[in-house]
Protein backbone atom coordinates (compact mmCIF):
# COMPACT_ATOMS: atom_id res chain seq x y z
CA MET A 1 23.51 27.80 0.15
CA PRO A 2 21.03 25.99 -0.93
CA THR A 3 22.61 25.19 -3.60
CA LEU A 4 25.75 24.03 -2.18
CA TYR A 5 23.74 21.65 0.64
CA SER A 6 22.09 20.31 -2.95
CA VAL A 7 25.31 19.21 -4.44
CA LEU A 8 26.95 18.52 -1.42
CA GLY A 9 24.10 15.96 -0.44
CA ILE A 10 23.63 17.15 2.91
CA ASP A 11 20.90 18.76 4.87
CA PRO A 12 21.39 22.03 6.83
CA PRO A 13 21.46 21.59 10.25
CA GLU A 14 19.03 22.84 12.55
CA VAL A 15 20.86 23.63 15.62
CA VAL A 16 24.96 25.20 15.49
CA LYS A 17 26.52 25.61 18.92
CA GLY A 18 23.74 25.23 20.30
CA TYR A 19 21.57 27.82 18.34
CA THR A 20 18.36 26.98 16.88
CA GLN A 21 19.05 27.86 12.69
CA PHE A 22 16.30 29.34 10.82
CA PRO A 23 15.12 27.53 7.39
CA LEU A 24 16.92 28.42 4.43
CA GLU A 25 15.75 30.63 1.78
CA GLY A 26 15.69 29.98 -1.57
CA ILE A 27 16.31 27.84 -4.27
CA SER A 28 18.92 25.48 -5.56
CA PHE A 29 20.22 26.20 -9.03
CA GLU A 30 21.70 22.90 -9.48
CA ALA A 31 20.05 21.44 -12.44
CA THR A 32 21.89 24.55 -14.35
CA LEU A 33 25.53 23.30 -13.25
CA ASN A 34 24.90 20.62 -16.08
CA ASP A 35 22.29 21.81 -18.00
CA ALA A 36 22.64 25.35 -19.23
CA GLY A 37 18.95 24.59 -20.87
CA ALA A 38 17.71 23.97 -17.01
CA THR A 39 14.78 26.07 -16.27
CA THR A 40 14.02 27.75 -12.86
CA ASP A 41 11.87 27.08 -10.05
CA LYS A 42 12.04 30.47 -8.87
CA GLN A 43 9.78 33.42 -9.79
CA THR A 44 11.15 36.14 -8.21
CA GLN A 45 14.44 37.69 -6.91
CA PHE A 46 15.99 40.36 -5.18
CA TYR A 47 18.69 42.21 -5.25
CA SER A 48 20.82 44.88 -2.94
CA MET A 49 23.71 45.45 -2.10
CA GLY A 50 25.29 49.99 -1.39
CA GLY A 51 22.61 51.28 -2.60
CA THR A 52 22.26 49.17 -6.21
CA ARG A 53 19.22 47.55 -6.49
CA ALA A 54 17.10 45.89 -8.51
CA ILE A 55 14.14 42.78 -8.93
CA TRP A 56 13.88 40.63 -10.94
CA HIS A 57 10.14 38.74 -12.08
CA GLN A 58 9.62 35.60 -14.39
CA GLY A 59 11.89 37.40 -17.14
CA TRP A 60 11.41 40.65 -16.53
CA LYS A 61 13.91 42.90 -14.86
CA ALA A 62 13.72 46.12 -13.50
CA ALA A 63 17.14 48.11 -11.64
CA ALA A 64 18.28 51.32 -10.23
CA VAL A 65 21.92 51.89 -9.95
CA SER A 66 23.57 53.93 -6.79
CA PRO A 67 26.77 56.02 -7.02
CA SER A 68 29.76 54.79 -4.69
CA ALA A 69 30.37 55.25 -1.28
CA PRO A 70 29.92 57.70 0.24
CA ASP A 71 26.91 58.63 -1.25
CA MET A 72 25.48 55.78 -2.50
CA TRP A 73 22.43 55.70 -0.64
CA ALA A 74 21.91 59.13 -0.94
CA ARG A 75 18.79 60.80 -3.34
CA TYR A 76 17.19 57.87 -4.45
CA ALA A 77 14.79 60.49 -6.49
CA THR A 78 17.36 61.32 -8.95
CA GLN A 79 18.95 58.36 -9.27
CA ARG A 80 18.19 56.59 -12.70
CA ALA A 81 16.20 53.45 -13.07
CA PRO A 82 15.90 51.40 -16.07
CA LEU A 83 13.79 48.70 -16.72
CA ARG A 84 14.87 45.94 -19.12
CA ALA A 85 12.68 42.97 -20.75
CA GLY A 86 14.19 39.64 -21.24
CA ALA A 87 15.44 36.83 -19.16
CA GLY A 88 18.52 37.98 -16.65
């Protein structure tokens, strides 16, 4: 969402339908849309979906791939967790 607001040049609403909104998390990647060599201000990013998860920190990435449903949250101890170095 920070990227969308940045590209559109608008500020996120403070209140929606009477509900105060939490501040947005994240950093806009608008600079990379026009410059593939642009650097990022982010230091760390975490991803999790359906049991598959990864963390990226300053060019290092650790990921664990989980089986598809219905066993996506099962047997963490036996799942492989590859570690990849480099920008990713």
